[in-house]
Amino acid sequence: PIQAIKTKKDASMLRAIEMVKIGMAD
C-alpha cells in the first residue's frame, strides 16, 4: 500500500480520493 501510494501518483484510486479532498466529489 504505502509504496504504491508513493510511486503511482496518477492511480485511479488516488485520483478518486483527491477529488473528495478538493471538493470535486463527496
PDB file of all heavy atoms in Angstrom:
ATOM      1  N   PRO A   1       0.784  -1.240   0.000  1.00  0.00           N
ATOM      2  CA  PRO A   1       0.000   0.000   0.000  1.00  0.00           C
ATOM      3  C   PRO A   1       0.816   1.289   0.000  1.00  0.00           C
ATOM      4  O   PRO A   1       0.640   2.143  -0.875  1.00  0.00           O
ATOM      5  CB  PRO A   1      -0.837  -0.127   1.275  1.00  0.00           C
ATOM      6  CG  PRO A   1      -1.001  -1.589   1.474  1.00  0.00           C
ATOM      7  CD  PRO A   1       0.294  -2.174   1.022  1.00  0.00           C
ATOM      8  N   ILE A   2       1.724   1.463   0.963  1.00  0.00           N
ATOM      9  CA  ILE A   2       2.455   2.730   1.092  1.00  0.00           C
ATOM     10  C   ILE A   2       3.341   2.969  -0.125  1.00  0.00           C
ATOM     11  O   ILE A   2       3.423   4.086  -0.658  1.00  0.00           O
ATOM     12  CB  ILE A   2       3.297   2.750   2.384  1.00  0.00           C
ATOM     13  CG1 ILE A   2       2.392   2.609   3.613  1.00  0.00           C
ATOM     14  CG2 ILE A   2       4.099   4.041   2.465  1.00  0.00           C
ATOM     15  CD1 ILE A   2       1.350   3.705   3.758  1.00  0.00           C
ATOM     16  N   GLN A   3       4.008   1.914  -0.586  1.00  0.00           N
ATOM     17  CA  GLN A   3       4.876   2.054  -1.753  1.00  0.00           C
ATOM     18  C   GLN A   3       4.070   2.443  -2.988  1.00  0.00           C
ATOM     19  O   GLN A   3       4.482   3.299  -3.776  1.00  0.00           O
ATOM     20  CB  GLN A   3       5.623   0.742  -2.003  1.00  0.00           C
ATOM     21  CG  GLN A   3       6.625   0.824  -3.152  1.00  0.00           C
ATOM     22  CD  GLN A   3       7.378  -0.480  -3.365  1.00  0.00           C
ATOM     23  OE1 GLN A   3       7.293  -1.386  -2.535  1.00  0.00           O
ATOM     24  NE2 GLN A   3       8.093  -0.582  -4.459  1.00  0.00           N
ATOM     25  N   ALA A   4       2.902   1.832  -3.151  1.00  0.00           N
ATOM     26  CA  ALA A   4       2.051   2.130  -4.299  1.00  0.00           C
ATOM     27  C   ALA A   4       1.562   3.579  -4.262  1.00  0.00           C
ATOM     28  O   ALA A   4       1.519   4.268  -5.288  1.00  0.00           O
ATOM     29  CB  ALA A   4       0.859   1.175  -4.328  1.00  0.00           C
ATOM     30  N   ILE A   5       1.198   4.048  -3.070  1.00  0.00           N
ATOM     31  CA  ILE A   5       0.725   5.431  -2.927  1.00  0.00           C
ATOM     32  C   ILE A   5       1.827   6.425  -3.291  1.00  0.00           C
ATOM     33  O   ILE A   5       1.579   7.457  -3.910  1.00  0.00           O
ATOM     34  CB  ILE A   5       0.238   5.673  -1.485  1.00  0.00           C
ATOM     35  CG1 ILE A   5      -1.042   4.880  -1.212  1.00  0.00           C
ATOM     36  CG2 ILE A   5      -0.017   7.158  -1.224  1.00  0.00           C
ATOM     37  CD1 ILE A   5      -1.460   4.867   0.242  1.00  0.00           C
ATOM     38  N   LYS A   6       3.073   6.094  -2.920  1.00  0.00           N
ATOM     39  CA  LYS A   6       4.198   6.991  -3.179  1.00  0.00           C
ATOM     40  C   LYS A   6       4.598   7.014  -4.654  1.00  0.00           C
ATOM     41  O   LYS A   6       4.985   8.062  -5.183  1.00  0.00           O
ATOM     42  CB  LYS A   6       5.400   6.572  -2.337  1.00  0.00           C
ATOM     43  CG  LYS A   6       5.245   6.868  -0.850  1.00  0.00           C
ATOM     44  CD  LYS A   6       6.488   6.430  -0.088  1.00  0.00           C
ATOM     45  CE  LYS A   6       6.364   6.768   1.397  1.00  0.00           C
ATOM     46  NZ  LYS A   6       7.554   6.316   2.168  1.00  0.00           N
ATOM     47  N   THR A   7       4.514   5.861  -5.312  1.00  0.00           N
ATOM     48  CA  THR A   7       5.053   5.751  -6.669  1.00  0.00           C
ATOM     49  C   THR A   7       4.005   5.962  -7.770  1.00  0.00           C
ATOM     50  O   THR A   7       4.356   6.362  -8.872  1.00  0.00           O
ATOM     51  CB  THR A   7       5.717   4.380  -6.877  1.00  0.00           C
ATOM     52  OG1 THR A   7       4.754   3.339  -6.614  1.00  0.00           O
ATOM     53  CG2 THR A   7       6.905   4.218  -5.939  1.00  0.00           C
ATOM     54  N   LYS A   8       2.733   5.695  -7.471  1.00  0.00           N
ATOM     55  CA  LYS A   8       1.697   5.810  -8.508  1.00  0.00           C
ATOM     56  C   LYS A   8       0.771   6.988  -8.218  1.00  0.00           C
ATOM     57  O   LYS A   8      -0.378   6.829  -7.804  1.00  0.00           O
ATOM     58  CB  LYS A   8       0.901   4.500  -8.611  1.00  0.00           C
ATOM     59  CG  LYS A   8       1.740   3.336  -9.133  1.00  0.00           C
ATOM     60  CD  LYS A   8       0.888   2.121  -9.421  1.00  0.00           C
ATOM     61  CE  LYS A   8       1.683   1.036 -10.142  1.00  0.00           C
ATOM     62  NZ  LYS A   8       0.864  -0.161 -10.421  1.00  0.00           N
ATOM     63  N   LYS A   9       1.282   8.182  -8.460  1.00  0.00           N
ATOM     64  CA  LYS A   9       0.533   9.399  -8.156  1.00  0.00           C
ATOM     65  C   LYS A   9      -0.708   9.564  -9.025  1.00  0.00           C
ATOM     66  O   LYS A   9      -1.663  10.244  -8.648  1.00  0.00           O
ATOM     67  CB  LYS A   9       1.442  10.626  -8.337  1.00  0.00           C
ATOM     68  CG  LYS A   9       2.699  10.619  -7.471  1.00  0.00           C
ATOM     69  CD  LYS A   9       2.352  10.714  -5.993  1.00  0.00           C
ATOM     70  CE  LYS A   9       3.618  10.830  -5.143  1.00  0.00           C
ATOM     71  NZ  LYS A   9       3.308  10.878  -3.694  1.00  0.00           N
ATOM     72  N   ASP A  10      -0.678   8.942 -10.228  1.00  0.00           N
ATOM     73  CA  ASP A  10      -1.803   9.088 -11.161  1.00  0.00           C
ATOM     74  C   ASP A  10      -2.716   7.855 -11.141  1.00  0.00           C
ATOM     75  O   ASP A  10      -3.430   7.581 -12.102  1.00  0.00           O
ATOM     76  CB  ASP A  10      -1.282   9.332 -12.590  1.00  0.00           C
ATOM     77  CG  ASP A  10      -2.366   9.844 -13.529  1.00  0.00           C
ATOM     78  OD1 ASP A  10      -3.271  10.570 -13.053  1.00  0.00           O
ATOM     79  OD2 ASP A  10      -2.321   9.516 -14.731  1.00  0.00           O
ATOM     80  N   ALA A  11      -2.689   7.105 -10.037  1.00  0.00           N
ATOM     81  CA  ALA A  11      -3.551   5.919  -9.913  1.00  0.00           C
ATOM     82  C   ALA A  11      -5.009   6.336  -9.775  1.00  0.00           C
ATOM     83  O   ALA A  11      -5.322   7.352  -9.144  1.00  0.00           O
ATOM     84  CB  ALA A  11      -3.133   5.080  -8.716  1.00  0.00           C
ATOM     85  N   SER A  12      -5.896   5.556 -10.357  1.00  0.00           N
ATOM     86  CA  SER A  12      -7.331   5.877 -10.342  1.00  0.00           C
ATOM     87  C   SER A  12      -7.871   5.990  -8.921  1.00  0.00           C
ATOM     88  O   SER A  12      -8.682   6.871  -8.616  1.00  0.00           O
ATOM     89  CB  SER A  12      -8.115   4.821 -11.125  1.00  0.00           C
ATOM     90  OG  SER A  12      -7.823   3.511 -10.641  1.00  0.00           O
ATOM     91  N   MET A  13      -7.418   5.131  -8.012  1.00  0.00           N
ATOM     92  CA  MET A  13      -7.870   5.174  -6.625  1.00  0.00           C
ATOM     93  C   MET A  13      -7.479   6.497  -5.966  1.00  0.00           C
ATOM     94  O   MET A  13      -8.295   7.141  -5.295  1.00  0.00           O
ATOM     95  CB  MET A  13      -7.267   4.010  -5.838  1.00  0.00           C
ATOM     96  CG  MET A  13      -7.650   3.995  -4.363  1.00  0.00           C
ATOM     97  SD  MET A  13      -6.669   2.800  -3.424  1.00  0.00           S
ATOM     98  CE  MET A  13      -7.247   1.258  -4.090  1.00  0.00           C
ATOM     99  N   LEU A  14      -6.222   6.908  -6.170  1.00  0.00           N
ATOM    100  CA  LEU A  14      -5.739   8.146  -5.548  1.00  0.00           C
ATOM    101  C   LEU A  14      -6.442   9.367  -6.125  1.00  0.00           C
ATOM    102  O   LEU A  14      -6.787  10.297  -5.393  1.00  0.00           O
ATOM    103  CB  LEU A  14      -4.229   8.267  -5.733  1.00  0.00           C
ATOM    104  CG  LEU A  14      -3.372   7.154  -5.128  1.00  0.00           C
ATOM    105  CD1 LEU A  14      -1.895   7.486  -5.270  1.00  0.00           C
ATOM    106  CD2 LEU A  14      -3.718   6.932  -3.673  1.00  0.00           C
ATOM    107  N   ARG A  15      -6.650   9.372  -7.433  1.00  0.00           N
ATOM    108  CA  ARG A  15      -7.351  10.493  -8.061  1.00  0.00           C
ATOM    109  C   ARG A  15      -8.779  10.611  -7.524  1.00  0.00           C
ATOM    110  O   ARG A  15      -9.280  11.715  -7.283  1.00  0.00           O
ATOM    111  CB  ARG A  15      -7.373  10.331  -9.575  1.00  0.00           C
ATOM    112  CG  ARG A  15      -6.012  10.436 -10.252  1.00  0.00           C
ATOM    113  CD  ARG A  15      -5.341  11.753  -9.990  1.00  0.00           C
ATOM    114  NE  ARG A  15      -4.123  11.925 -10.767  1.00  0.00           N
ATOM    115  CZ  ARG A  15      -3.180  12.801 -10.481  1.00  0.00           C
ATOM    116  NH1 ARG A  15      -3.304  13.574  -9.411  1.00  0.00           N
ATOM    117  NH2 ARG A  15      -2.109  12.899 -11.238  1.00  0.00           N
ATOM    118  N   ALA A  16      -9.435   9.476  -7.327  1.00  0.00           N
ATOM    119  CA  ALA A  16     -10.807   9.488  -6.812  1.00  0.00           C
ATOM    120  C   ALA A  16     -10.856  10.053  -5.395  1.00  0.00           C
ATOM    121  O   ALA A  16     -11.751  10.836  -5.052  1.00  0.00           O
ATOM    122  CB  ALA A  16     -11.389   8.076  -6.847  1.00  0.00           C
ATOM    123  N   ILE A  17      -9.873   9.691  -4.558  1.00  0.00           N
ATOM    124  CA  ILE A  17      -9.822  10.211  -3.185  1.00  0.00           C
ATOM    125  C   ILE A  17      -9.484  11.696  -3.180  1.00  0.00           C
ATOM    126  O   ILE A  17     -10.048  12.479  -2.407  1.00  0.00           O
ATOM    127  CB  ILE A  17      -8.807   9.412  -2.346  1.00  0.00           C
ATOM    128  CG1 ILE A  17      -9.288   7.970  -2.176  1.00  0.00           C
ATOM    129  CG2 ILE A  17      -8.603  10.051  -0.976  1.00  0.00           C
ATOM    130  CD1 ILE A  17      -8.285   7.050  -1.516  1.00  0.00           C
ATOM    131  N   GLU A  18      -8.567  12.099  -4.058  1.00  0.00           N
ATOM    132  CA  GLU A  18      -8.194  13.514  -4.150  1.00  0.00           C
ATOM    133  C   GLU A  18      -9.388  14.388  -4.541  1.00  0.00           C
ATOM    134  O   GLU A  18      -9.477  15.546  -4.120  1.00  0.00           O
ATOM    135  CB  GLU A  18      -7.048  13.687  -5.150  1.00  0.00           C
ATOM    136  CG  GLU A  18      -5.701  13.218  -4.599  1.00  0.00           C
ATOM    137  CD  GLU A  18      -4.635  13.121  -5.665  1.00  0.00           C
ATOM    138  OE1 GLU A  18      -4.940  13.410  -6.845  1.00  0.00           O
ATOM    139  OE2 GLU A  18      -3.497  12.747  -5.327  1.00  0.00           O
ATOM    140  N   MET A  19     -10.284  13.845  -5.344  1.00  0.00           N
ATOM    141  CA  MET A  19     -11.486  14.594  -5.725  1.00  0.00           C
ATOM    142  C   MET A  19     -12.326  14.949  -4.505  1.00  0.00           C
ATOM    143  O   MET A  19     -12.906  16.029  -4.423  1.00  0.00           O
ATOM    144  CB  MET A  19     -12.327  13.781  -6.714  1.00  0.00           C
ATOM    145  CG  MET A  19     -11.749  13.723  -8.103  1.00  0.00           C
ATOM    146  SD  MET A  19     -12.840  12.805  -9.201  1.00  0.00           S
ATOM    147  CE  MET A  19     -11.873  12.850 -10.702  1.00  0.00           C
ATOM    148  N   VAL A  20     -12.379  14.023  -3.556  1.00  0.00           N
ATOM    149  CA  VAL A  20     -13.101  14.298  -2.312  1.00  0.00           C
ATOM    150  C   VAL A  20     -12.364  15.364  -1.512  1.00  0.00           C
ATOM    151  O   VAL A  20     -12.965  16.288  -0.957  1.00  0.00           O
ATOM    152  CB  VAL A  20     -13.274  13.017  -1.473  1.00  0.00           C
ATOM    153  CG1 VAL A  20     -13.978  13.308  -0.158  1.00  0.00           C
ATOM    154  CG2 VAL A  20     -14.069  11.973  -2.267  1.00  0.00           C
ATOM    155  N   LYS A  21     -11.046  15.255  -1.485  1.00  0.00           N
ATOM    156  CA  LYS A  21     -10.227  16.198  -0.713  1.00  0.00           C
ATOM    157  C   LYS A  21     -10.399  17.634  -1.205  1.00  0.00           C
ATOM    158  O   LYS A  21     -10.516  18.568  -0.402  1.00  0.00           O
ATOM    159  CB  LYS A  21      -8.756  15.788  -0.793  1.00  0.00           C
ATOM    160  CG  LYS A  21      -7.832  16.695   0.005  1.00  0.00           C
ATOM    161  CD  LYS A  21      -6.388  16.223  -0.093  1.00  0.00           C
ATOM    162  CE  LYS A  21      -5.475  17.156   0.703  1.00  0.00           C
ATOM    163  NZ  LYS A  21      -4.051  16.702   0.626  1.00  0.00           N
ATOM    164  N   ILE A  22     -10.441  17.834  -2.527  1.00  0.00           N
ATOM    165  CA  ILE A  22     -10.512  19.193  -3.071  1.00  0.00           C
ATOM    166  C   ILE A  22     -11.941  19.658  -3.329  1.00  0.00           C
ATOM    167  O   ILE A  22     -12.165  20.764  -3.796  1.00  0.00           O
ATOM    168  CB  ILE A  22      -9.679  19.316  -4.367  1.00  0.00           C
ATOM    169  CG1 ILE A  22     -10.256  18.425  -5.486  1.00  0.00           C
ATOM    170  CG2 ILE A  22      -8.227  18.971  -4.104  1.00  0.00           C
ATOM    171  CD1 ILE A  22      -9.543  18.573  -6.816  1.00  0.00           C
ATOM    172  N   GLY A  23     -12.928  18.793  -3.039  1.00  0.00           N
ATOM    173  CA  GLY A  23     -14.319  19.202  -3.165  1.00  0.00           C
ATOM    174  C   GLY A  23     -14.970  18.919  -4.493  1.00  0.00           C
ATOM    175  O   GLY A  23     -16.108  19.348  -4.740  1.00  0.00           O
ATOM    176  N   MET A  24     -14.294  18.179  -5.387  1.00  0.00           N
ATOM    177  CA  MET A  24     -14.912  17.808  -6.663  1.00  0.00           C
ATOM    178  C   MET A  24     -15.944  16.698  -6.484  1.00  0.00           C
ATOM    179  O   MET A  24     -16.833  16.524  -7.310  1.00  0.00           O
ATOM    180  CB  MET A  24     -13.846  17.343  -7.664  1.00  0.00           C
ATOM    181  CG  MET A  24     -13.023  18.452  -8.276  1.00  0.00           C
ATOM    182  SD  MET A  24     -11.797  17.797  -9.441  1.00  0.00           S
ATOM    183  CE  MET A  24     -12.844  17.043 -10.697  1.00  0.00           C
ATOM    184  N   ALA A  25     -15.781  15.922  -5.428  1.00  0.00           N
ATOM    185  CA  ALA A  25     -16.712  14.824  -5.130  1.00  0.00           C
ATOM    186  C   ALA A  25     -16.949  14.784  -3.621  1.00  0.00           C
ATOM    187  O   ALA A  25     -16.188  15.352  -2.838  1.00  0.00           O
ATOM    188  CB  ALA A  25     -16.154  13.498  -5.620  1.00  0.00           C
ATOM    189  N   ASP A  26     -18.031  14.115  -3.221  1.00  0.00           N
ATOM    190  CA  ASP A  26     -18.368  13.980  -1.801  1.00  0.00           C
ATOM    191  C   ASP A  26     -17.990  12.615  -1.251  1.00  0.00           C
ATOM    192  O   ASP A  26     -17.902  12.433  -0.038  1.00  0.00           O
ATOM    193  CB  ASP A  26     -19.870  14.192  -1.596  1.00  0.00           C
ATOM    194  CG  ASP A  26     -20.334  15.533  -2.130  1.00  0.00           C
ATOM    195  OD1 ASP A  26     -19.782  16.553  -1.694  1.00  0.00           O
ATOM    196  OD2 ASP A  26     -21.235  15.566  -2.990  1.00  0.00           O
TER     197      ASP A  26
END
